[in-house]
Protein backbone atom coordinates (compact mmCIF):
# COMPACT_ATOMS: atom_id res chain seq x y z
CA MET A 1 0.00 0.00 0.00
CA SER A 2 2.87 2.36 0.82
CA PHE A 3 4.40 1.60 -2.56
CA LEU A 4 1.09 2.34 -4.34
CA ARG A 5 0.71 5.63 -2.46
CA ALA A 6 4.30 6.59 -3.35
CA ALA A 7 3.73 5.70 -7.01
CA ARG A 8 0.52 7.73 -7.06
CA THR A 9 2.23 10.72 -5.43
CA TYR A 10 5.09 10.49 -7.93
CA ARG A 11 2.62 10.34 -10.85
CA THR A 12 0.68 13.33 -9.51
CA ALA A 13 3.87 15.36 -8.99
CA ARG A 14 5.04 14.61 -12.55
CA ARG A 15 1.66 15.60 -13.99
CA LEU A 16 1.61 18.79 -11.90
CA GLN A 17 5.10 19.64 -13.18
CA GLN A 18 3.85 19.14 -16.73
CA ILE A 19 0.80 21.38 -16.11
CA VAL A 20 3.00 24.12 -14.63
CA ASN A 21 5.39 23.97 -17.61
CA VAL A 22 2.53 24.28 -20.11
CA LEU A 23 0.97 27.20 -18.21
CA LEU A 24 4.40 28.90 -18.07
CA LYS A 25 4.79 28.41 -21.81
CA HIS A 26 1.51 30.23 -22.42
CA GLY A 27 2.27 33.15 -20.10
CA PHE A 28 0.58 32.22 -16.80
CA GLY A 29 3.72 32.46 -14.65
CA GLN A 30 2.24 35.21 -12.47
CA VAL A 31 -0.71 33.01 -11.45
CA ILE A 32 1.59 30.06 -10.68
CA ASP A 33 3.76 32.28 -8.52
CA GLN A 34 0.78 33.82 -6.72
CA ILE A 35 -0.71 30.47 -5.73
CA HIS A 36 2.62 29.35 -4.24
CA LEU A 37 3.57 26.76 -6.85
CA GLY A 38 6.87 28.49 -7.58
CA ARG A 39 8.82 25.41 -6.47
CA TYR A 40 7.63 23.67 -9.65
CA ILE A 41 9.08 26.44 -11.84
CA PRO A 42 12.53 25.51 -13.21
CA PHE A 43 15.32 27.26 -11.27
CA LEU A 44 16.90 28.94 -14.33
CA GLN A 45 13.53 30.41 -15.34
CA ARG A 46 13.01 31.77 -11.84
CA LEU A 47 16.50 33.24 -11.94
CA ARG A 48 15.82 34.98 -15.26
CA THR A 49 12.59 36.59 -14.08
CA PHE A 50 13.55 37.32 -10.44
CA GLY A 51 10.00 36.21 -9.59
CA GLN A 52 8.53 39.11 -11.58
CA TRP A 53 6.10 37.95 -14.27
CA PRO A 54 4.32 40.01 -16.92
CA PRO A 55 0.77 40.95 -15.81
CA LEU A 56 -1.99 38.66 -17.00
CA LYS A 57 -4.04 41.10 -19.05
CA GLY A 58 -5.26 41.71 -22.57
CA PRO A 59 -7.70 40.15 -25.04
CA ALA A 60 -5.29 37.26 -25.77
CA VAL A 61 -5.70 35.70 -22.28
CA PRO A 62 -8.76 33.51 -23.20
CA GLU A 63 -6.99 32.35 -26.37
CA ARG A 64 -3.79 31.49 -24.47
CA LEU A 65 -5.77 29.54 -21.85
CA ARG A 66 -7.60 27.65 -24.60
CA MET A 67 -4.26 26.73 -26.24
CA ALA A 68 -2.88 25.59 -22.85
CA PHE A 69 -5.93 23.38 -22.22
CA GLU A 70 -5.63 21.92 -25.71
CA GLU A 71 -1.99 21.00 -25.06
CA LEU A 72 -2.77 19.48 -21.64
CA GLY A 73 -4.97 16.79 -23.15
CA PRO A 74 -8.32 15.01 -22.64
CA SER A 75 -9.25 16.11 -19.10
CA PHE A 76 -8.59 19.78 -19.75
CA ILE A 77 -10.27 19.67 -23.17
CA LYS A 78 -13.36 18.15 -21.55
CA LEU A 79 -13.25 20.77 -18.77
CA ALA A 80 -13.09 23.58 -21.35
CA GLN A 81 -16.02 22.10 -23.28
CA ILE A 82 -18.12 21.98 -20.12
CA LEU A 83 -17.13 25.54 -19.22
CA SER A 84 -18.02 26.76 -22.72
CA SER A 85 -21.69 26.35 -21.75
CA ARG A 86 -21.21 28.24 -18.45
CA PRO A 87 -20.60 31.91 -19.35
CA ASP A 88 -22.14 32.78 -15.97
CA LEU A 89 -19.10 31.22 -14.27
CA ILE A 90 -16.21 32.23 -16.53
CA GLY A 91 -17.49 35.15 -18.60
CA ALA A 92 -18.59 35.35 -22.23
CA ARG A 93 -15.07 35.88 -23.67
CA PHE A 94 -13.68 32.68 -22.16
CA ALA A 95 -16.84 30.71 -23.01
CA GLU A 96 -16.68 31.75 -26.67
CA GLU A 97 -12.99 30.82 -26.90
CA PHE A 98 -13.52 27.42 -25.26
CA LYS A 99 -16.21 26.58 -27.84
CA LYS A 100 -13.41 26.29 -30.41
CA LEU A 101 -11.97 23.20 -28.71
CA GLN A 102 -12.76 19.98 -30.53
CA ASP A 103 -12.93 16.66 -28.69
CA GLU A 104 -11.06 14.81 -31.43
CA VAL A 105 -7.93 12.80 -30.68
CA PRO A 106 -6.06 10.02 -32.53
CA PRO A 107 -7.57 6.54 -32.01
CA PHE A 108 -5.81 3.98 -29.84
CA PRO A 109 -4.77 0.65 -31.44
CA THR A 110 -7.57 -1.75 -32.35
CA PRO A 111 -5.87 -4.78 -30.66
CA GLN A 112 -6.07 -2.83 -27.37
CA ALA A 113 -9.78 -2.15 -27.99
CA LYS A 114 -10.42 -5.85 -28.64
CA ALA A 115 -8.51 -6.84 -25.51
CA ILE A 116 -10.63 -4.44 -23.41
CA ILE A 117 -13.86 -5.82 -24.94
CA GLU A 118 -12.85 -9.43 -24.21
CA ARG A 119 -11.79 -8.59 -20.66
CA GLU A 120 -14.98 -6.66 -19.91
CA LEU A 121 -17.43 -9.09 -21.57
CA ARG A 122 -15.45 -12.18 -20.48
CA LEU A 123 -15.94 -13.71 -23.91
CA PRO A 124 -13.70 -14.12 -26.98
CA ILE A 125 -14.49 -11.40 -29.47
CA ASP A 126 -15.43 -13.89 -32.23
CA LYS A 127 -18.06 -15.38 -29.90
CA VAL A 128 -19.77 -12.01 -29.58
CA PHE A 129 -19.34 -10.48 -33.05
CA LYS A 130 -19.63 -12.06 -36.46
CA GLU A 131 -17.81 -9.01 -37.88
CA PHE A 132 -15.76 -6.28 -36.22
CA GLU A 133 -14.44 -3.19 -38.05
CA ASP A 134 -10.79 -2.58 -37.23
CA VAL A 135 -10.91 1.07 -38.33
CA PRO A 136 -12.81 3.16 -35.70
CA MET A 137 -15.84 5.14 -36.81
CA ALA A 138 -14.93 7.93 -34.36
CA ALA A 139 -12.39 8.64 -31.63
CA ALA A 140 -12.74 11.10 -28.75
CA SER A 141 -10.93 11.86 -25.51
CA ILE A 142 -12.81 9.27 -23.41
CA ALA A 143 -13.70 6.51 -25.88
CA GLN A 144 -13.71 5.37 -29.47
CA VAL A 145 -16.43 3.67 -31.53
CA HIS A 146 -16.18 0.63 -33.81
CA GLY A 147 -18.80 -0.78 -36.14
CA ALA A 148 -19.67 -4.49 -35.72
CA VAL A 149 -22.21 -7.20 -36.47
CA LEU A 150 -23.48 -9.44 -33.66
CA ALA A 151 -23.65 -13.20 -33.95
CA ASP A 152 -27.40 -12.95 -34.70
CA GLY A 153 -26.73 -10.54 -37.60
CA SER A 154 -27.71 -7.28 -35.83
CA GLU A 155 -25.68 -4.25 -36.89
CA VAL A 156 -24.26 -2.47 -33.84
CA VAL A 157 -21.71 0.10 -32.70
CA VAL A 158 -19.27 -0.74 -29.93
CA LYS A 159 -18.11 2.09 -27.68
CA VAL A 160 -14.84 1.27 -25.90
CA GLN A 161 -13.28 3.37 -23.15
CA ARG A 162 -9.66 4.44 -23.67
CA PRO A 163 -7.13 2.39 -21.71
CA GLY A 164 -5.86 4.23 -18.64
CA ILE A 165 -8.22 7.21 -19.14
CA GLU A 166 -9.87 6.69 -15.74
CA GLN A 167 -6.51 6.96 -13.96
CA THR A 168 -5.50 10.00 -16.04
CA ILE A 169 -8.74 11.83 -15.30
CA GLN A 170 -8.61 10.89 -11.61
CA THR A 171 -5.07 12.35 -11.34
CA ASP A 172 -6.13 15.52 -13.18
CA ILE A 173 -9.22 15.95 -10.98
CA GLU A 174 -7.04 15.71 -7.84
CA ILE A 175 -4.64 18.31 -9.27
CA LEU A 176 -7.49 20.60 -10.39
CA THR A 177 -9.05 20.37 -6.91
CA THR A 178 -5.73 21.42 -5.35
CA LEU A 179 -5.29 24.27 -7.87
CA ALA A 180 -8.86 25.48 -7.19
CA ARG A 181 -8.23 25.61 -3.43
CA LEU A 182 -4.92 27.44 -3.93
CA LEU A 183 -6.64 29.96 -6.21
CA GLU A 184 -9.34 30.65 -3.62
CA ARG A 185 -6.78 30.92 -0.83
CA TYR A 186 -4.17 33.15 -2.48
CA LEU A 187 -6.26 34.94 -5.14
CA PRO A 188 -9.46 36.01 -3.32
CA GLU A 189 -10.77 37.72 -6.48
CA SER A 190 -11.01 34.26 -8.11
CA ARG A 191 -13.76 33.29 -5.65
CA PHE A 192 -16.22 35.19 -7.84
CA PHE A 193 -15.76 32.40 -10.43
CA ASN A 194 -16.09 29.65 -7.76
CA PRO A 195 -13.10 27.49 -8.88
CA THR A 196 -13.96 24.69 -6.43
CA GLY A 197 -17.53 24.58 -7.74
CA ILE A 198 -16.27 24.44 -11.32
CA VAL A 199 -14.02 21.46 -10.55
CA GLU A 200 -16.83 19.68 -8.66
CA GLU A 201 -19.21 20.15 -11.61
CA PHE A 202 -16.52 18.95 -14.03
CA SER A 203 -15.81 15.90 -11.85
CA LYS A 204 -19.50 15.01 -11.64
CA THR A 205 -20.08 15.43 -15.39
CA VAL A 206 -16.99 13.59 -16.60
CA ARG A 207 -17.53 10.66 -14.21
CA LYS A 208 -21.08 10.25 -15.53
CA GLU A 209 -19.80 10.39 -19.11
CA MET A 210 -17.23 7.69 -18.31
CA ASP A 211 -19.89 5.37 -16.89
CA PHE A 212 -21.40 3.63 -19.92
CA ILE A 213 -24.05 1.97 -17.74
CA GLU A 214 -25.39 5.47 -16.97
CA GLU A 215 -25.34 6.32 -20.69
CA ALA A 216 -27.27 3.13 -21.46
CA ARG A 217 -29.89 4.08 -18.83
CA ASN A 218 -30.25 7.50 -20.45
CA CYS A 219 -30.81 5.92 -23.88
CA CYS A 220 -33.40 3.49 -22.50
CA ARG A 221 -35.27 6.34 -20.81
CA PHE A 222 -35.40 8.28 -24.11
CA ARG A 223 -36.72 5.13 -25.88
CA ARG A 224 -39.51 4.83 -23.27
CA ASN A 225 -40.40 8.53 -23.54
CA PHE A 226 -40.65 8.32 -27.35
CA GLU A 227 -42.11 4.81 -27.58
CA GLY A 228 -44.50 4.66 -30.53
CA HIS A 229 -43.45 8.09 -31.87
CA PRO A 230 -43.74 7.91 -35.66
CA ASP A 231 -40.98 10.41 -36.49
CA VAL A 232 -38.31 10.16 -33.75
CA TYR A 233 -36.09 7.16 -33.02
CA PHE A 234 -33.58 6.17 -30.34
CA PRO A 235 -31.25 3.16 -30.74
CA ARG A 236 -31.66 -0.09 -28.86
CA VAL A 237 -29.13 -0.98 -26.13
CA TYR A 238 -27.90 -4.56 -25.72
CA PRO A 239 -27.75 -5.02 -21.90
CA GLU A 240 -26.08 -8.45 -22.19
CA PHE A 241 -23.01 -6.68 -23.68
CA LEU A 242 -22.89 -3.73 -21.30
CA THR A 243 -20.26 -2.77 -18.71
CA GLU A 244 -18.89 0.49 -17.33
CA ARG A 245 -16.22 0.49 -20.10
CA VAL A 246 -17.99 -1.16 -23.05
CA LEU A 247 -21.34 -0.20 -24.57
CA VAL A 248 -23.00 -2.02 -27.47
CA MET A 249 -26.02 -0.40 -29.10
CA GLU A 250 -27.92 -0.52 -32.37
CA ARG A 251 -26.17 1.07 -35.33
CA ILE A 252 -28.00 4.02 -36.85
CA ARG A 253 -27.72 4.19 -40.62
CA GLY A 254 -28.57 7.56 -42.06
CA VAL A 255 -27.55 11.06 -43.09
CA ARG A 256 -26.21 13.71 -40.74
CA ILE A 257 -28.84 16.37 -40.06
CA ASP A 258 -26.57 19.14 -41.41
CA ASP A 259 -25.75 17.32 -44.71
CA ILE A 260 -28.27 19.41 -46.66
CA LYS A 261 -27.10 18.28 -50.13
CA ARG A 262 -27.61 14.58 -49.37
CA ILE A 263 -30.93 15.28 -47.65
CA GLU A 264 -32.14 17.08 -50.80
CA ALA A 265 -30.74 14.36 -53.07
CA LEU A 266 -32.62 11.67 -51.13
CA GLY A 267 -35.86 13.68 -51.41
CA TYR A 268 -36.57 14.27 -47.71
CA ASP A 269 -38.96 17.06 -46.68
CA ARG A 270 -36.59 19.60 -45.07
CA ALA A 271 -39.36 21.65 -43.44
CA ALA A 272 -40.91 18.53 -41.89
CA LEU A 273 -37.49 17.42 -40.55
CA ALA A 274 -36.92 20.83 -38.92
CA LYS A 275 -40.33 20.70 -37.26
CA THR A 276 -39.84 17.10 -36.08
CA GLY A 277 -36.44 17.84 -34.51
CA VAL A 278 -37.63 20.93 -32.66
CA ASP A 279 -40.89 19.26 -31.57
CA ALA A 280 -38.84 16.40 -30.13
CA TYR A 281 -36.78 18.83 -28.04
CA PHE A 282 -39.79 20.74 -26.76
CA LYS A 283 -41.32 17.42 -25.71
CA MET A 284 -38.08 16.47 -23.91
CA ILE A 285 -37.75 19.81 -22.10
CA LEU A 286 -41.31 20.96 -21.41
CA GLU A 287 -43.08 17.59 -20.98
CA ASP A 288 -40.59 14.85 -20.05
CA GLY A 289 -38.14 17.07 -18.11
CA PHE A 290 -35.27 15.01 -19.52
CA PHE A 291 -33.38 16.09 -22.64
CA HIS A 292 -30.38 15.31 -24.83
CA ALA A 293 -27.91 18.05 -23.86
CA ASP A 294 -25.42 17.64 -26.72
CA PRO A 295 -27.44 18.07 -29.94
CA HIS A 296 -24.57 18.93 -32.29
CA PRO A 297 -25.07 17.76 -35.93
CA GLY A 298 -22.87 14.67 -35.48
CA ASN A 299 -25.37 13.30 -32.93
CA ILE A 300 -28.55 13.68 -35.03
CA PHE A 301 -29.29 11.61 -38.16
CA VAL A 302 -32.05 11.23 -40.73
CA THR A 303 -32.79 7.51 -41.16
CA PRO A 304 -33.63 5.93 -44.56
CA ASP A 305 -37.35 5.90 -43.63
CA GLY A 306 -37.29 9.67 -42.93
CA ARG A 307 -37.23 9.59 -39.13
CA ILE A 308 -34.88 11.63 -36.93
CA ALA A 309 -32.56 9.51 -34.78
CA PHE A 310 -30.35 10.60 -31.86
CA VAL A 311 -27.06 9.09 -30.69
CA ASP A 312 -24.52 9.70 -27.86
CA PHE A 313 -26.30 10.00 -24.51
CA GLY A 314 -23.37 10.77 -22.20
CA ILE A 315 -24.56 14.32 -21.50
CA VAL A 316 -28.21 14.85 -20.58
CA GLY A 317 -30.14 17.62 -18.84
CA ARG A 318 -32.96 17.42 -16.35
CA VAL A 319 -35.72 19.99 -15.87
CA SER A 320 -37.34 20.02 -12.43
CA GLU A 321 -41.04 20.72 -11.97
CA GLU A 322 -40.04 23.97 -10.24
CA LEU A 323 -38.04 25.08 -13.29
CA LYS A 324 -40.93 24.13 -15.60
CA GLU A 325 -43.25 26.22 -13.39
CA THR A 326 -40.86 29.16 -13.57
CA MET A 327 -40.57 28.86 -17.35
CA ALA A 328 -44.36 28.92 -17.63
CA SER A 329 -44.64 31.87 -15.23
CA THR A 330 -41.90 33.71 -17.11
CA PHE A 331 -43.68 33.10 -20.42
CA LEU A 332 -46.93 34.44 -18.92
CA ALA A 333 -45.19 37.54 -17.50
CA LEU A 334 -43.52 38.23 -20.86
CA LEU A 335 -46.85 37.82 -22.65
CA HIS A 336 -48.52 40.42 -20.40
CA ARG A 337 -45.43 42.72 -20.15
CA ASP A 338 -45.44 42.20 -16.38
CA PHE A 339 -41.77 43.00 -15.79
CA ASP A 340 -42.16 43.32 -12.00
CA ARG A 341 -43.55 39.78 -11.83
CA LEU A 342 -40.70 38.59 -14.03
CA ILE A 343 -38.14 40.04 -11.60
CA ASP A 344 -40.02 38.46 -8.65
CA ASN A 345 -39.69 35.06 -10.37
CA TYR A 346 -35.91 35.50 -10.61
CA ILE A 347 -35.63 36.50 -6.95
CA GLU A 348 -37.84 33.59 -5.77
CA LEU A 349 -35.68 31.14 -7.74
CA GLY A 350 -32.58 32.37 -5.90
CA LEU A 351 -30.92 33.68 -9.07
CA VAL A 352 -30.11 37.01 -7.41
CA PRO A 353 -27.09 37.02 -5.04
CA GLU A 354 -27.88 37.68 -1.37
CA GLU A 355 -25.45 40.61 -1.13
CA VAL A 356 -27.26 42.53 -3.89
CA ASP A 357 -29.33 45.57 -2.93
CA LEU A 358 -32.77 44.43 -4.15
CA ASP A 359 -34.16 47.94 -4.67
CA VAL A 360 -31.20 48.94 -6.86
CA PHE A 361 -31.32 45.59 -8.66
CA ARG A 362 -35.05 45.92 -9.40
CA ARG A 363 -34.60 49.42 -10.77
CA GLU A 364 -31.55 48.73 -12.96
CA PHE A 365 -32.58 45.27 -14.15
CA LYS A 366 -36.10 46.44 -15.03
CA ALA A 367 -34.69 49.32 -17.09
CA ASP A 368 -32.44 46.93 -19.05
CA LEU A 369 -35.27 44.39 -19.42
CA VAL A 370 -37.70 46.98 -20.79
CA GLU A 371 -35.06 48.27 -23.23
CA PHE A 372 -34.35 44.70 -24.41
CA LEU A 373 -37.93 43.38 -24.64
CA GLU A 374 -40.09 46.33 -25.72
CA PRO A 375 -38.89 46.29 -29.39
CA LEU A 376 -39.96 42.62 -29.64
CA TYR A 377 -43.62 43.35 -28.90
CA GLY A 378 -44.16 45.13 -32.19
CA ARG A 379 -42.99 42.15 -34.26
CA THR A 380 -44.72 39.03 -35.50
CA LEU A 381 -43.60 35.63 -34.23
CA GLY A 382 -41.77 34.94 -37.47
CA GLU A 383 -39.73 38.14 -37.16
CA ILE A 384 -38.29 37.23 -33.74
CA ASN A 385 -34.91 35.48 -33.70
CA PHE A 386 -35.56 33.14 -30.79
CA ALA A 387 -31.90 32.13 -30.44
CA GLU A 388 -30.79 35.77 -30.21
CA TYR A 389 -33.61 36.43 -27.74
CA LEU A 390 -32.49 33.57 -25.43
CA ASP A 391 -28.84 34.56 -25.75
CA GLY A 392 -29.71 38.18 -24.98
CA LEU A 393 -31.55 37.20 -21.81
CA VAL A 394 -28.56 35.12 -20.62
CA HIS A 395 -26.13 38.00 -21.25
CA LEU A 396 -28.50 40.37 -19.45
CA ALA A 397 -28.47 38.04 -16.45
CA LEU A 398 -24.66 37.87 -16.56
CA LYS A 399 -24.44 41.66 -16.64
CA HIS A 400 -26.30 41.80 -13.32
CA ASN A 401 -24.27 38.94 -11.74
CA MET A 402 -27.23 36.60 -11.51
CA HIS A 403 -26.67 32.89 -10.75
CA ILE A 404 -28.12 30.93 -13.66
CA PRO A 405 -29.00 27.23 -13.08
CA SER A 406 -26.84 24.90 -15.17
CA GLU A 407 -30.01 23.25 -16.57
CA LEU A 408 -31.18 26.60 -17.94
CA LEU A 409 -27.83 27.16 -19.64
CA LEU A 410 -27.93 23.65 -21.15
CA ILE A 411 -31.42 24.41 -22.46
CA ASN A 412 -30.16 27.70 -23.89
CA LYS A 413 -27.22 25.95 -25.58
CA ALA A 414 -29.50 23.25 -27.05
CA MET A 415 -32.00 25.84 -28.32
CA LEU A 416 -29.26 27.86 -30.03
CA ILE A 417 -27.95 24.78 -31.85
CA LEU A 418 -31.45 23.63 -32.76
CA GLU A 419 -32.57 26.93 -34.22
CA ASN A 420 -29.42 27.05 -36.32
CA LEU A 421 -30.11 23.52 -37.61
CA GLY A 422 -33.78 24.36 -38.17
CA LEU A 423 -32.89 27.40 -40.28
CA GLN A 424 -30.36 25.36 -42.30
CA LEU A 425 -33.08 22.84 -43.13
CA ASP A 426 -35.83 25.41 -43.67
CA PRO A 427 -34.89 29.15 -43.91
CA SER A 428 -38.53 30.11 -43.25
CA PHE A 429 -38.73 28.00 -40.09
CA ASP A 430 -40.58 29.76 -37.24
CA PHE A 431 -39.03 28.61 -33.96
CA VAL A 432 -41.41 30.56 -31.70
CA ALA A 433 -44.50 29.26 -33.49
CA ALA A 434 -43.22 25.70 -32.99
CA SER A 435 -42.81 26.32 -29.25
CA GLU A 436 -46.23 27.95 -28.78
CA PRO A 437 -48.38 24.76 -28.39
CA TYR A 438 -46.00 23.32 -25.77
CA ALA A 439 -45.85 26.60 -23.84
CA ALA A 440 -49.67 26.85 -23.96
CA ARG A 441 -50.04 23.29 -22.57
CA LEU A 442 -47.52 24.10 -19.84
CA LEU A 443 -49.48 27.22 -18.87
CA ARG A 444 -52.79 25.33 -18.86
CA ARG A 445 -51.28 22.62 -16.66
CA ARG A 446 -49.87 25.29 -14.32
CA LEU A 447 -53.28 26.96 -13.93
CA SER A 448 -55.32 23.75 -13.73
CA PRO A 449 -57.45 23.22 -10.56
CA GLN A 450 -55.51 20.04 -9.70
CA ARG A 451 -52.18 21.89 -9.87
CA LEU A 452 -53.50 24.84 -7.85
CA TYR A 453 -54.88 22.44 -5.21
CA LYS A 454 -51.53 20.65 -5.02
CA ARG A 455 -49.65 23.92 -4.58
CA LEU A 456 -52.07 25.13 -1.90
CA SER A 457 -51.63 21.80 -0.06
CA GLU A 458 -47.84 22.11 -0.22
CA GLU A 459 -47.94 25.70 1.06
CA ALA A 460 -50.34 24.74 3.89
CA TYR A 461 -48.03 21.89 4.91
CA GLU A 462 -45.01 24.23 4.90
CA MET A 463 -46.87 26.80 7.00
CA GLY A 464 -47.97 24.12 9.48
CA ALA A 465 -44.44 22.71 9.78
CA PHE A 466 -43.09 26.22 10.34
CA ALA A 467 -45.69 26.95 13.02
CA PHE A 468 -44.84 23.72 14.90
CA GLN A 469 -41.07 24.20 14.65
CA LEU A 470 -40.94 27.90 15.56
CA PRO A 471 -41.34 27.51 19.39
CA ARG A 472 -38.68 24.75 19.47
CA GLN A 473 -36.25 26.84 17.43
CA LEU A 474 -36.84 29.87 19.68
CA ARG A 475 -36.16 27.75 22.81
CA LYS A 476 -32.86 26.55 21.27
CA LEU A 477 -31.87 30.13 20.51
CA MET A 478 -32.69 31.31 24.04
CA ARG A 479 -30.71 28.42 25.62
CA LYS A 480 -27.66 29.30 23.52
CA LEU A 481 -27.94 32.97 24.53
CA LEU A 482 -28.25 32.12 28.24
CA ARG A 483 -25.23 29.76 28.11
CA ASP A 484 -23.12 32.30 26.21
CA ASP A 485 -22.95 29.71 23.43
CA PHE A 486 -24.10 32.04 20.66
CA HIS A 487 -21.60 32.23 17.80
CA MET A 488 -21.36 34.75 15.01
CA LYS A 489 -19.37 34.24 11.81
CA LEU A 490 -17.44 37.32 10.64
CA THR A 491 -15.83 37.58 7.22
CA HIS A 492 -12.92 39.97 6.76
CA LEU A 493 -12.91 41.53 3.31
CA GLY A 494 -9.54 42.42 1.81
CA LEU A 495 -7.56 40.92 4.71
CA GLU A 496 -5.93 38.42 2.34
CA HIS A 497 -4.10 41.23 0.52
CA LEU A 498 -2.68 42.50 3.83
CA ILE A 499 -1.53 38.99 4.79
CA ARG A 500 0.12 38.52 1.40
CA ASP A 501 1.93 41.87 1.66
CA MET A 502 3.09 41.09 5.21
CA ASP A 503 4.31 37.68 4.07
CA ARG A 504 6.24 39.25 1.21
CA SER A 505 7.74 41.93 3.51
CA SER A 506 8.83 39.37 6.13
CA ASN A 507 10.42 37.26 3.39
CA ARG A 508 12.41 40.28 2.18
CA ILE A 509 13.53 41.12 5.72
CA ALA A 510 14.66 37.52 6.25
CA PHE A 511 16.45 37.60 2.88
CA ALA A 512 18.18 40.87 3.81
CA MET A 513 19.26 39.37 7.15
CA VAL A 514 20.81 36.40 5.30
CA VAL A 515 22.72 38.81 3.01
CA SER A 516 23.90 40.78 6.07
CA SER A 517 25.07 37.58 7.78
CA PHE A 518 27.11 36.69 4.69
CA ILE A 519 28.76 40.14 4.74
CA ILE A 520 29.55 39.90 8.50
CA SER A 521 30.87 36.34 8.05
CA SER A 522 33.03 37.53 5.17
CA ALA A 523 34.49 40.33 7.30
CA ILE A 524 35.21 37.94 10.22
CA MET A 525 36.87 35.37 7.94
CA HIS A 526 38.99 38.09 6.33
CA ALA A 527 40.02 39.54 9.71
CA THR A 528 40.92 36.16 11.21
CA GLY A 529 42.44 34.69 8.04
CA VAL A 530 40.30 31.55 8.13
CA GLY A 531 41.13 29.00 5.42
CA PRO A 532 43.36 29.53 2.36
CA THR A 533 44.29 33.07 1.35
CA LEU A 534 45.08 34.84 -1.90
CA HIS A 535 47.32 37.96 -1.63
CA GLY A 536 46.44 38.08 2.06
CA VAL A 537 42.68 37.89 1.42
CA SER A 538 40.67 34.94 2.75
CA ILE A 539 39.24 33.00 -0.19
CA LEU A 540 36.26 31.84 1.90
CA GLY A 541 35.61 35.42 3.03
CA LEU A 542 35.84 36.66 -0.58
CA SER A 543 33.44 33.95 -1.75
CA ALA A 544 30.96 34.82 0.99
CA PHE A 545 31.22 38.52 0.07
CA ALA A 546 30.67 37.78 -3.67
CA LEU A 547 27.60 35.67 -2.85
CA ALA A 548 26.26 38.45 -0.60
CA VAL A 549 26.71 40.99 -3.43
CA LEU A 550 24.78 38.77 -5.90
CA LEU A 551 21.96 38.13 -3.44
CA GLY A 552 21.83 41.83 -2.53
CA ILE A 553 21.58 42.83 -6.21
CA TRP A 554 18.81 40.24 -6.71
CA LEU A 555 16.89 41.63 -3.70
CA LEU A 556 17.34 45.22 -4.88
CA ILE A 557 16.15 44.43 -8.42
CA SER A 558 13.05 42.61 -7.13
CA ILE A 559 12.19 45.59 -4.89
CA ILE A 560 12.66 48.08 -7.73
CA ARG A 561 10.61 45.97 -10.15
CA SER A 562 7.75 45.70 -7.64
CA GLY A 563 7.46 49.50 -7.74
CA ARG A 564 7.48 49.77 -3.92
CA LEU A 565 10.68 51.47 -2.73
């Protein structure tokens, strides 16, 4: 066990050294130094810079970070892709830059893939498959996909997890967790972006994507939700050939949804396809509360019989009943231009930070909302660009530092992609008109007597529970006050900067004392003639004096470059 822990520590240290080197290469030396990882910076590089790094500013910072993530490999590419849908956490500039990252990597050798399949299924590969394509259909950071034919003649695709990817991602998650904590400790301004929360969300998402059993469950749930649907199809999963690292499902033959030339050549009705795809998503989001969260063109096909088929179910979104209610209420408020009610919905959902002055927020946000929405009321449904409207609302929320639920951002991302695909298939496609029947049903369900009765029951229960618990809670509070056991939590703002400056000052004083001790030692050695001499001068004393001069110059330069004499 000790050996395994040592090996793991060694592997983590090597990976951390690699991450630091890549970040240095792309100009993030200042951040590395500030979070106290300077010991991983090569000595010669530290000597050249004297610990003074160029400031991390300018429009090129998002691009440099994207290039660094690309160079650092699968885990960081996946992290950037997840962050690209969270402009509320990292800002629009970084989100836009991270969208450029493609999850495409060279495939790993087919013999390795076959060995993994045999080990996971505990069967020789020729006992499972009549045919197996050696050339992968696709390769990504977590897995690659091979075409095959089962022994019973069924055409399937086999998704195989990359060898060693679990260990690589585990190591990177540990390192990212450490980096996030260091950022929050030594760079207090980074807490606005919640680095620890970002890493936790990444860890949760990537672990789910690596679990093929979870992906199979997602696919089966979509098949149940769309059972009997004439125009939408989800592939069958073969549970007898399913493990956490191998997934076998029905092969979808068809044309990519964005291959307009082939769709036209095969004679498919483009307008009908656009309507079917968007209808399917509105059903997923507004009725089922469970939707495919990665609808890029490579995951949507048109089958030979004209149906739309979906593949790749590693990333899904869930819409709670509360969020559905809010969406319906928001739609109703927009319809009646009730901007005050719209703002109340946002506050009730907890989207507005606690430290915000609500009166100021209401006034400023309402002014921006009116300016953004009023021009839309004079247009017909067909004249409204729904994607731009959704995107505008998200950016408006970001401007006012609102916390947007990840599900809402996934919905926004899916809607943007879908409208773009819909317009490619049918330039006259009306996205809002397609959404209207679903929104109307949602509003009717929200205002139905059964729903109102349920809500009243829930509120009555909450009020009753509060009334029963209030005396007990008051007694607890009084006991704590009488025992002097009442604690208050105080947060010091800006104290971290003072601590950092004091730490830096004490380090300089200690450094200066070391230089002084070298000078005094040099003088004593010269006066006493300790060791060998050259022309009557102690060589040891001269060496100590030369070292003191170099260290003194280094200290002086660092003080001058800091701009604080």
